[in-house]
PDB file of all heavy atoms in Angstrom:
ATOM      1  N   PRO A   1      97.236   5.598  76.047  1.00  0.00           N
ATOM      2  CA  PRO A   1      97.824   4.384  76.619  1.00  0.00           C
ATOM      3  C   PRO A   1      99.341   4.498  76.728  1.00  0.00           C
ATOM      4  O   PRO A   1     100.002   5.071  75.849  1.00  0.00           O
ATOM      5  CB  PRO A   1      97.420   3.297  75.609  1.00  0.00           C
ATOM      6  CG  PRO A   1      96.221   3.846  74.907  1.00  0.00           C
ATOM      7  CD  PRO A   1      96.432   5.333  74.853  1.00  0.00           C
ATOM      8  N   LEU A   2      99.894   3.976  77.826  1.00  0.00           N
ATOM      9  CA  LEU A   2     101.336   4.036  78.023  1.00  0.00           C
ATOM     10  C   LEU A   2     102.042   3.068  77.083  1.00  0.00           C
ATOM     11  O   LEU A   2     101.525   1.982  76.791  1.00  0.00           O
ATOM     12  CB  LEU A   2     101.684   3.694  79.475  1.00  0.00           C
ATOM     13  CG  LEU A   2     101.199   4.673  80.536  1.00  0.00           C
ATOM     14  CD1 LEU A   2     101.473   4.111  81.919  1.00  0.00           C
ATOM     15  CD2 LEU A   2     101.867   6.028  80.364  1.00  0.00           C
ATOM     16  N   PRO A   3     103.231   3.425  76.598  1.00  0.00           N
ATOM     17  CA  PRO A   3     103.972   2.515  75.720  1.00  0.00           C
ATOM     18  C   PRO A   3     104.407   1.262  76.469  1.00  0.00           C
ATOM     19  O   PRO A   3     104.645   1.289  77.675  1.00  0.00           O
ATOM     20  CB  PRO A   3     105.190   3.364  75.293  1.00  0.00           C
ATOM     21  CG  PRO A   3     105.323   4.390  76.368  1.00  0.00           C
ATOM     22  CD  PRO A   3     103.941   4.688  76.827  1.00  0.00           C
ATOM     23  N   GLN A   4     104.480   0.144  75.742  1.00  0.00           N
ATOM     24  CA  GLN A   4     104.910  -1.109  76.335  1.00  0.00           C
ATOM     25  C   GLN A   4     106.389  -1.028  76.724  1.00  0.00           C
ATOM     26  O   GLN A   4     107.194  -0.407  76.032  1.00  0.00           O
ATOM     27  CB  GLN A   4     104.706  -2.262  75.347  1.00  0.00           C
ATOM     28  CG  GLN A   4     103.243  -2.556  75.057  1.00  0.00           C
ATOM     29  CD  GLN A   4     102.517  -3.082  76.282  1.00  0.00           C
ATOM     30  OE1 GLN A   4     103.045  -3.890  77.031  1.00  0.00           O
ATOM     31  NE2 GLN A   4     101.291  -2.603  76.493  1.00  0.00           N
ATOM     32  N   VAL A   5     106.725  -1.649  77.842  1.00  0.00           N
ATOM     33  CA  VAL A   5     108.106  -1.662  78.323  1.00  0.00           C
ATOM     34  C   VAL A   5     108.541  -3.112  78.465  1.00  0.00           C
ATOM     35  O   VAL A   5     107.767  -3.964  78.916  1.00  0.00           O
ATOM     36  CB  VAL A   5     108.223  -0.943  79.690  1.00  0.00           C
ATOM     37  CG1 VAL A   5     109.657  -1.006  80.205  1.00  0.00           C
ATOM     38  CG2 VAL A   5     107.760   0.495  79.562  1.00  0.00           C
ATOM     39  N   GLU A   6     109.775  -3.401  78.052  1.00  0.00           N
ATOM     40  CA  GLU A   6     110.326  -4.751  78.201  1.00  0.00           C
ATOM     41  C   GLU A   6     110.209  -5.199  79.660  1.00  0.00           C
ATOM     42  O   GLU A   6     110.428  -4.410  80.580  1.00  0.00           O
ATOM     43  CB  GLU A   6     111.782  -4.756  77.748  1.00  0.00           C
ATOM     44  CG  GLU A   6     112.411  -6.141  77.737  1.00  0.00           C
ATOM     45  CD  GLU A   6     113.867  -6.087  77.298  1.00  0.00           C
ATOM     46  OE1 GLU A   6     114.210  -5.162  76.541  1.00  0.00           O
ATOM     47  OE2 GLU A   6     114.631  -6.967  77.725  1.00  0.00           O
ATOM     48  N   HIS A   7     109.869  -6.495  79.862  1.00  0.00           N
ATOM     49  CA  HIS A   7     109.558  -6.993  81.209  1.00  0.00           C
ATOM     50  C   HIS A   7     110.695  -6.734  82.203  1.00  0.00           C
ATOM     51  O   HIS A   7     110.456  -6.258  83.325  1.00  0.00           O
ATOM     52  CB  HIS A   7     109.258  -8.491  81.143  1.00  0.00           C
ATOM     53  CG  HIS A   7     108.885  -9.081  82.469  1.00  0.00           C
ATOM     54  ND1 HIS A   7     107.692  -8.805  83.109  1.00  0.00           N
ATOM     55  CD2 HIS A   7     109.584  -9.915  83.301  1.00  0.00           C
ATOM     56  CE1 HIS A   7     107.647  -9.453  84.269  1.00  0.00           C
ATOM     57  NE2 HIS A   7     108.777 -10.136  84.396  1.00  0.00           N
ATOM     58  N   SER A   8     111.931  -7.028  81.814  1.00  0.00           N
ATOM     59  CA  SER A   8     113.062  -6.856  82.732  1.00  0.00           C
ATOM     60  C   SER A   8     113.264  -5.385  83.091  1.00  0.00           C
ATOM     61  O   SER A   8     113.566  -5.047  84.243  1.00  0.00           O
ATOM     62  CB  SER A   8     114.344  -7.427  82.117  1.00  0.00           C
ATOM     63  OG  SER A   8     114.656  -6.761  80.897  1.00  0.00           O
ATOM     64  N   ILE A   9     113.076  -4.506  82.100  1.00  0.00           N
ATOM     65  CA  ILE A   9     113.221  -3.071  82.348  1.00  0.00           C
ATOM     66  C   ILE A   9     112.082  -2.577  83.241  1.00  0.00           C
ATOM     67  O   ILE A   9     112.286  -1.751  84.144  1.00  0.00           O
ATOM     68  CB  ILE A   9     113.232  -2.295  81.013  1.00  0.00           C
ATOM     69  CG1 ILE A   9     114.478  -2.665  80.205  1.00  0.00           C
ATOM     70  CG2 ILE A   9     113.186  -0.783  81.261  1.00  0.00           C
ATOM     71  CD1 ILE A   9     114.527  -2.020  78.842  1.00  0.00           C
ATOM     72  N   TYR A  10     110.877  -3.121  83.018  1.00  0.00           N
ATOM     73  CA  TYR A  10     109.719  -2.742  83.818  1.00  0.00           C
ATOM     74  C   TYR A  10     109.928  -3.118  85.290  1.00  0.00           C
ATOM     75  O   TYR A  10     109.684  -2.312  86.194  1.00  0.00           O
ATOM     76  CB  TYR A  10     108.470  -3.429  83.267  1.00  0.00           C
ATOM     77  CG  TYR A  10     107.209  -3.125  84.045  1.00  0.00           C
ATOM     78  CD1 TYR A  10     106.526  -1.927  83.860  1.00  0.00           C
ATOM     79  CD2 TYR A  10     106.716  -4.036  84.973  1.00  0.00           C
ATOM     80  CE1 TYR A  10     105.370  -1.659  84.580  1.00  0.00           C
ATOM     81  CE2 TYR A  10     105.558  -3.772  85.685  1.00  0.00           C
ATOM     82  CZ  TYR A  10     104.896  -2.572  85.483  1.00  0.00           C
ATOM     83  OH  TYR A  10     103.771  -2.300  86.198  1.00  0.00           O
ATOM     84  N   ILE A  11     110.384  -4.340  85.522  1.00  0.00           N
ATOM     85  CA  ILE A  11     110.626  -4.799  86.892  1.00  0.00           C
ATOM     86  C   ILE A  11     111.684  -3.934  87.561  1.00  0.00           C
ATOM     87  O   ILE A  11     111.552  -3.527  88.732  1.00  0.00           O
ATOM     88  CB  ILE A  11     111.073  -6.283  86.900  1.00  0.00           C
ATOM     89  CG1 ILE A  11     109.943  -7.180  86.380  1.00  0.00           C
ATOM     90  CG2 ILE A  11     111.488  -6.702  88.306  1.00  0.00           C
ATOM     91  CD1 ILE A  11     108.678  -7.122  87.203  1.00  0.00           C
ATOM     92  N   LYS A  12     112.746  -3.628  86.806  1.00  0.00           N
ATOM     93  CA  LYS A  12     113.809  -2.782  87.353  1.00  0.00           C
ATOM     94  C   LYS A  12     113.274  -1.391  87.692  1.00  0.00           C
ATOM     95  O   LYS A  12     113.563  -0.828  88.758  1.00  0.00           O
ATOM     96  CB  LYS A  12     114.952  -2.666  86.329  1.00  0.00           C
ATOM     97  CG  LYS A  12     116.174  -1.916  86.855  1.00  0.00           C
ATOM     98  CD  LYS A  12     117.128  -1.546  85.731  1.00  0.00           C
ATOM     99  CE  LYS A  12     117.598  -2.777  84.966  1.00  0.00           C
ATOM    100  NZ  LYS A  12     118.592  -2.407  83.913  1.00  0.00           N
ATOM    101  N   GLY A  13     112.472  -0.822  86.789  1.00  0.00           N
ATOM    102  CA  GLY A  13     111.923   0.513  87.014  1.00  0.00           C
ATOM    103  C   GLY A  13     110.988   0.565  88.206  1.00  0.00           C
ATOM    104  O   GLY A  13     111.029   1.511  89.012  1.00  0.00           O
ATOM    105  N   VAL A  14     110.134  -0.450  88.332  1.00  0.00           N
ATOM    106  CA  VAL A  14     109.225  -0.515  89.486  1.00  0.00           C
ATOM    107  C   VAL A  14     110.031  -0.619  90.783  1.00  0.00           C
ATOM    108  O   VAL A  14     109.703   0.013  91.786  1.00  0.00           O
ATOM    109  CB  VAL A  14     108.260  -1.704  89.349  1.00  0.00           C
ATOM    110  CG1 VAL A  14     107.498  -1.939  90.654  1.00  0.00           C
ATOM    111  CG2 VAL A  14     107.290  -1.460  88.207  1.00  0.00           C
ATOM    112  N   GLY A  15     111.095  -1.407  90.748  1.00  0.00           N
ATOM    113  CA  GLY A  15     111.951  -1.534  91.929  1.00  0.00           C
ATOM    114  C   GLY A  15     112.577  -0.213  92.327  1.00  0.00           C
ATOM    115  O   GLY A  15     112.607   0.151  93.513  1.00  0.00           O
ATOM    116  N   PHE A  16     113.058   0.526  91.332  1.00  0.00           N
ATOM    117  CA  PHE A  16     113.647   1.837  91.611  1.00  0.00           C
ATOM    118  C   PHE A  16     112.601   2.804  92.170  1.00  0.00           C
ATOM    119  O   PHE A  16     112.875   3.572  93.096  1.00  0.00           O
ATOM    120  CB  PHE A  16     114.273   2.426  90.345  1.00  0.00           C
ATOM    121  CG  PHE A  16     115.645   1.907  90.034  1.00  0.00           C
ATOM    122  CD1 PHE A  16     115.949   1.401  88.769  1.00  0.00           C
ATOM    123  CD2 PHE A  16     116.643   1.949  90.983  1.00  0.00           C
ATOM    124  CE1 PHE A  16     117.227   0.927  88.481  1.00  0.00           C
ATOM    125  CE2 PHE A  16     117.928   1.479  90.704  1.00  0.00           C
ATOM    126  CZ  PHE A  16     118.213   0.964  89.448  1.00  0.00           C
ATOM    127  N   ALA A  17     111.401   2.780  91.609  1.00  0.00           N
ATOM    128  CA  ALA A  17     110.345   3.684  92.068  1.00  0.00           C
ATOM    129  C   ALA A  17     109.934   3.367  93.511  1.00  0.00           C
ATOM    130  O   ALA A  17     109.720   4.273  94.325  1.00  0.00           O
ATOM    131  CB  ALA A  17     109.135   3.593  91.140  1.00  0.00           C
ATOM    132  N   LEU A  18     109.819   2.072  93.831  1.00  0.00           N
ATOM    133  CA  LEU A  18     109.500   1.677  95.205  1.00  0.00           C
ATOM    134  C   LEU A  18     110.617   2.079  96.158  1.00  0.00           C
ATOM    135  O   LEU A  18     110.348   2.534  97.281  1.00  0.00           O
ATOM    136  CB  LEU A  18     109.269   0.167  95.272  1.00  0.00           C
ATOM    137  CG  LEU A  18     107.947  -0.347  94.698  1.00  0.00           C
ATOM    138  CD1 LEU A  18     107.949  -1.876  94.645  1.00  0.00           C
ATOM    139  CD2 LEU A  18     106.770   0.148  95.534  1.00  0.00           C
ATOM    140  N   LEU A  19     111.861   1.910  95.712  1.00  0.00           N
ATOM    141  CA  LEU A  19     113.001   2.314  96.538  1.00  0.00           C
ATOM    142  C   LEU A  19     112.973   3.818  96.791  1.00  0.00           C
ATOM    143  O   LEU A  19     113.211   4.279  97.908  1.00  0.00           O
ATOM    144  CB  LEU A  19     114.310   1.919  95.842  1.00  0.00           C
ATOM    145  CG  LEU A  19     115.609   2.315  96.562  1.00  0.00           C
ATOM    146  CD1 LEU A  19     115.708   1.624  97.923  1.00  0.00           C
ATOM    147  CD2 LEU A  19     116.827   1.959  95.701  1.00  0.00           C
ATOM    148  N   ALA A  20     112.658   4.587  95.742  1.00  0.00           N
ATOM    149  CA  ALA A  20     112.588   6.041  95.883  1.00  0.00           C
ATOM    150  C   ALA A  20     111.510   6.447  96.879  1.00  0.00           C
ATOM    151  O   ALA A  20     111.740   7.270  97.778  1.00  0.00           O
ATOM    152  CB  ALA A  20     112.320   6.686  94.517  1.00  0.00           C
ATOM    153  N   ALA A  21     110.314   5.868  96.735  1.00  0.00           N
ATOM    154  CA  ALA A  21     109.211   6.197  97.637  1.00  0.00           C
ATOM    155  C   ALA A  21     109.549   5.837  99.077  1.00  0.00           C
ATOM    156  O   ALA A  21     109.287   6.618 100.005  1.00  0.00           O
ATOM    157  CB  ALA A  21     107.944   5.476  97.194  1.00  0.00           C
ATOM    158  N   THR A  22     110.157   4.672  99.271  1.00  0.00           N
ATOM    159  CA  THR A  22     110.502   4.227 100.620  1.00  0.00           C
ATOM    160  C   THR A  22     111.582   5.098 101.242  1.00  0.00           C
ATOM    161  O   THR A  22     111.483   5.496 102.411  1.00  0.00           O
ATOM    162  CB  THR A  22     110.975   2.760 100.589  1.00  0.00           C
ATOM    163  OG1 THR A  22     109.953   1.950 100.022  1.00  0.00           O
ATOM    164  CG2 THR A  22     111.290   2.261 101.987  1.00  0.00           C
ATOM    165  N   CYS A  23     112.620   5.404 100.459  1.00  0.00           N
ATOM    166  CA  CYS A  23     113.731   6.214 100.993  1.00  0.00           C
ATOM    167  C   CYS A  23     113.287   7.643 101.295  1.00  0.00           C
ATOM    168  O   CYS A  23     113.695   8.222 102.315  1.00  0.00           O
ATOM    169  CB  CYS A  23     114.893   6.233  99.996  1.00  0.00           C
ATOM    170  SG  CYS A  23     115.810   4.678  99.924  1.00  0.00           S
ATOM    171  N   GLN A  24     112.463   8.221 100.442  1.00  0.00           N
ATOM    172  CA  GLN A  24     111.993   9.584 100.697  1.00  0.00           C
ATOM    173  C   GLN A  24     111.096   9.630 101.930  1.00  0.00           C
ATOM    174  O   GLN A  24     111.178  10.553 102.745  1.00  0.00           O
ATOM    175  CB  GLN A  24     111.274  10.114  99.461  1.00  0.00           C
ATOM    176  CG  GLN A  24     112.234  10.417  98.308  1.00  0.00           C
ATOM    177  CD  GLN A  24     111.536  10.601  96.971  1.00  0.00           C
ATOM    178  OE1 GLN A  24     110.306  10.567  96.889  1.00  0.00           O
ATOM    179  NE2 GLN A  24     112.308  10.785  95.918  1.00  0.00           N
ATOM    180  N   ALA A  25     110.245   8.619 102.088  1.00  0.00           N
ATOM    181  CA  ALA A  25     109.392   8.548 103.279  1.00  0.00           C
ATOM    182  C   ALA A  25     110.233   8.338 104.532  1.00  0.00           C
ATOM    183  O   ALA A  25     110.020   8.991 105.566  1.00  0.00           O
ATOM    184  CB  ALA A  25     108.379   7.416 103.124  1.00  0.00           C
ATOM    185  N   ALA A  26     111.216   7.449 104.432  1.00  0.00           N
ATOM    186  CA  ALA A  26     112.090   7.184 105.579  1.00  0.00           C
ATOM    187  C   ALA A  26     112.883   8.430 105.953  1.00  0.00           C
ATOM    188  O   ALA A  26     113.093   8.709 107.146  1.00  0.00           O
ATOM    189  CB  ALA A  26     113.043   6.031 105.248  1.00  0.00           C
ATOM    190  N   GLY A  27     113.313   9.184 104.953  1.00  0.00           N
ATOM    191  CA  GLY A  27     114.050  10.414 105.230  1.00  0.00           C
ATOM    192  C   GLY A  27     113.233  11.410 106.027  1.00  0.00           C
ATOM    193  O   GLY A  27     113.723  12.040 106.975  1.00  0.00           O
ATOM    194  N   MET A  28     111.950  11.538 105.681  1.00  0.00           N
ATOM    195  CA  MET A  28     111.072  12.448 106.415  1.00  0.00           C
ATOM    196  C   MET A  28     110.868  11.986 107.861  1.00  0.00           C
ATOM    197  O   MET A  28     110.926  12.775 108.803  1.00  0.00           O
ATOM    198  CB  MET A  28     109.720  12.546 105.707  1.00  0.00           C
ATOM    199  CG  MET A  28     109.720  13.300 104.388  1.00  0.00           C
ATOM    200  SD  MET A  28     110.046  15.080 104.577  1.00  0.00           S
ATOM    201  CE  MET A  28     111.799  15.129 104.153  1.00  0.00           C
ATOM    202  N   VAL A  29     110.631  10.684 108.029  1.00  0.00           N
ATOM    203  CA  VAL A  29     110.379  10.149 109.368  1.00  0.00           C
ATOM    204  C   VAL A  29     111.627  10.271 110.240  1.00  0.00           C
ATOM    205  O   VAL A  29     111.544  10.611 111.430  1.00  0.00           O
ATOM    206  CB  VAL A  29     109.913   8.684 109.287  1.00  0.00           C
ATOM    207  CG1 VAL A  29     109.780   8.075 110.676  1.00  0.00           C
ATOM    208  CG2 VAL A  29     108.577   8.591 108.556  1.00  0.00           C
ATOM    209  N   MET A  30     112.810  10.010 109.681  1.00  0.00           N
ATOM    210  CA  MET A  30     114.050  10.118 110.445  1.00  0.00           C
ATOM    211  C   MET A  30     114.335  11.563 110.835  1.00  0.00           C
ATOM    212  O   MET A  30     114.847  11.826 111.930  1.00  0.00           O
ATOM    213  CB  MET A  30     115.219   9.543 109.641  1.00  0.00           C
ATOM    214  CG  MET A  30     115.191   8.034 109.541  1.00  0.00           C
ATOM    215  SD  MET A  30     116.626   7.378 108.677  1.00  0.00           S
ATOM    216  CE  MET A  30     116.445   5.633 109.050  1.00  0.00           C
ATOM    217  N   SER A  31     114.004  12.497 109.952  1.00  0.00           N
ATOM    218  CA  SER A  31     114.157  13.916 110.302  1.00  0.00           C
ATOM    219  C   SER A  31     113.277  14.256 111.499  1.00  0.00           C
ATOM    220  O   SER A  31     113.681  14.979 112.405  1.00  0.00           O
ATOM    221  CB  SER A  31     113.783  14.799 109.106  1.00  0.00           C
ATOM    222  OG  SER A  31     114.637  14.559 108.011  1.00  0.00           O
ATOM    223  N   LYS A  32     112.054  13.722 111.494  1.00  0.00           N
ATOM    224  CA  LYS A  32     111.139  13.922 112.620  1.00  0.00           C
ATOM    225  C   LYS A  32     111.715  13.310 113.890  1.00  0.00           C
ATOM    226  O   LYS A  32     111.596  13.890 114.980  1.00  0.00           O
ATOM    227  CB  LYS A  32     109.786  13.290 112.293  1.00  0.00           C
ATOM    228  CG  LYS A  32     108.726  13.471 113.374  1.00  0.00           C
ATOM    229  CD  LYS A  32     108.257  14.900 113.476  1.00  0.00           C
ATOM    230  CE  LYS A  32     107.053  15.031 114.390  1.00  0.00           C
ATOM    231  NZ  LYS A  32     106.563  16.427 114.472  1.00  0.00           N
ATOM    232  N   GLY A  33     112.346  12.129 113.765  1.00  0.00           N
ATOM    233  CA  GLY A  33     112.948  11.482 114.922  1.00  0.00           C
ATOM    234  C   GLY A  33     114.018  12.340 115.565  1.00  0.00           C
ATOM    235  O   GLY A  33     114.099  12.435 116.794  1.00  0.00           O
ATOM    236  N   ALA A  34     114.841  12.986 114.731  1.00  0.00           N
ATOM    237  CA  ALA A  34     115.887  13.863 115.266  1.00  0.00           C
ATOM    238  C   ALA A  34     115.282  15.061 115.988  1.00  0.00           C
ATOM    239  O   ALA A  34     115.733  15.456 117.068  1.00  0.00           O
ATOM    240  CB  ALA A  34     116.799  14.329 114.133  1.00  0.00           C
ATOM    241  N   MET A  35     114.238  15.644 115.407  1.00  0.00           N
ATOM    242  CA  MET A  35     113.624  16.823 115.997  1.00  0.00           C
ATOM    243  C   MET A  35     112.813  16.495 117.250  1.00  0.00           C
ATOM    244  O   MET A  35     112.611  17.352 118.098  1.00  0.00           O
ATOM    245  CB  MET A  35     112.741  17.515 114.954  1.00  0.00           C
ATOM    246  CG  MET A  35     113.534  18.094 113.812  1.00  0.00           C
ATOM    247  SD  MET A  35     112.494  18.964 112.616  1.00  0.00           S
ATOM    248  CE  MET A  35     113.737  19.467 111.434  1.00  0.00           C
ATOM    249  N   ASN A  36     112.360  15.231 117.352  1.00  0.00           N
ATOM    250  CA  ASN A  36     111.663  14.815 118.563  1.00  0.00           C
ATOM    251  C   ASN A  36     112.636  14.628 119.721  1.00  0.00           C
ATOM    252  O   ASN A  36     112.268  14.784 120.891  1.00  0.00           O
ATOM    253  CB  ASN A  36     110.912  13.495 118.325  1.00  0.00           C
ATOM    254  CG  ASN A  36     109.620  13.692 117.558  1.00  0.00           C
ATOM    255  OD1 ASN A  36     109.167  14.812 117.363  1.00  0.00           O
ATOM    256  ND2 ASN A  36     109.033  12.603 117.093  1.00  0.00           N
ATOM    257  N   ALA A  37     113.870  14.260 119.388  1.00  0.00           N
ATOM    258  CA  ALA A  37     114.858  13.955 120.430  1.00  0.00           C
ATOM    259  C   ALA A  37     115.328  15.203 121.172  1.00  0.00           C
ATOM    260  O   ALA A  37     115.627  15.147 122.368  1.00  0.00           O
ATOM    261  CB  ALA A  37     116.054  13.230 119.815  1.00  0.00           C
ATOM    262  N   GLU A  38     115.402  16.326 120.476  1.00  0.00           N
ATOM    263  CA  GLU A  38     115.870  17.569 121.094  1.00  0.00           C
ATOM    264  C   GLU A  38     115.427  18.756 120.243  1.00  0.00           C
ATOM    265  O   GLU A  38     114.935  18.599 119.130  1.00  0.00           O
ATOM    266  CB  GLU A  38     117.387  17.570 121.242  1.00  0.00           C
ATOM    267  CG  GLU A  38     118.135  17.440 119.914  1.00  0.00           C
ATOM    268  CD  GLU A  38     119.642  17.527 120.080  1.00  0.00           C
ATOM    269  OE1 GLU A  38     120.094  18.448 120.791  1.00  0.00           O
ATOM    270  OE2 GLU A  38     120.354  16.691 119.490  1.00  0.00           O
ATOM    271  N   GLN A  39     115.632  19.946 120.775  1.00  0.00           N
ATOM    272  CA  GLN A  39     115.281  21.170 120.062  1.00  0.00           C
ATOM    273  C   GLN A  39     116.362  21.473 119.030  1.00  0.00           C
ATOM    274  O   GLN A  39     117.507  21.761 119.384  1.00  0.00           O
ATOM    275  CB  GLN A  39     115.148  22.340 121.057  1.00  0.00           C
ATOM    276  CG  GLN A  39     114.646  23.642 120.443  1.00  0.00           C
ATOM    277  CD  GLN A  39     113.208  23.530 119.951  1.00  0.00           C
ATOM    278  OE1 GLN A  39     112.421  22.768 120.485  1.00  0.00           O
ATOM    279  NE2 GLN A  39     112.873  24.297 118.937  1.00  0.00           N
ATOM    280  N   ILE A  40     116.001  21.391 117.754  1.00  0.00           N
ATOM    281  CA  ILE A  40     116.950  21.644 116.664  1.00  0.00           C
ATOM    282  C   ILE A  40     116.352  22.679 115.732  1.00  0.00           C
ATOM    283  O   ILE A  40     115.167  22.615 115.398  1.00  0.00           O
ATOM    284  CB  ILE A  40     117.237  20.357 115.854  1.00  0.00           C
ATOM    285  CG1 ILE A  40     117.743  19.241 116.767  1.00  0.00           C
ATOM    286  CG2 ILE A  40     118.256  20.625 114.745  1.00  0.00           C
ATOM    287  CD1 ILE A  40     117.861  17.901 116.071  1.00  0.00           C
ATOM    288  N   GLY A  41     117.162  23.633 115.302  1.00  0.00           N
ATOM    289  CA  GLY A  41     116.704  24.606 114.323  1.00  0.00           C
ATOM    290  C   GLY A  41     116.390  23.909 113.006  1.00  0.00           C
ATOM    291  O   GLY A  41     117.149  23.058 112.547  1.00  0.00           O
ATOM    292  N   SER A  42     115.276  24.276 112.385  1.00  0.00           N
ATOM    293  CA  SER A  42     114.873  23.632 111.128  1.00  0.00           C
ATOM    294  C   SER A  42     115.912  23.832 110.039  1.00  0.00           C
ATOM    295  O   SER A  42     116.147  22.936 109.215  1.00  0.00           O
ATOM    296  CB  SER A  42     113.519  24.190 110.675  1.00  0.00           C
ATOM    297  OG  SER A  42     112.526  23.923 111.618  1.00  0.00           O
TER     298      SER A  42
END
């Protein structure tokens, strides 16, 4: 079982994790957008 985390710290951590997942996904999609626009070396 995972150790208990203080509620405020838990909310903050979940927020950071969601931000990380969203930003990393957005970074991949934006890279694709640039490569779709023109021929760019990887």
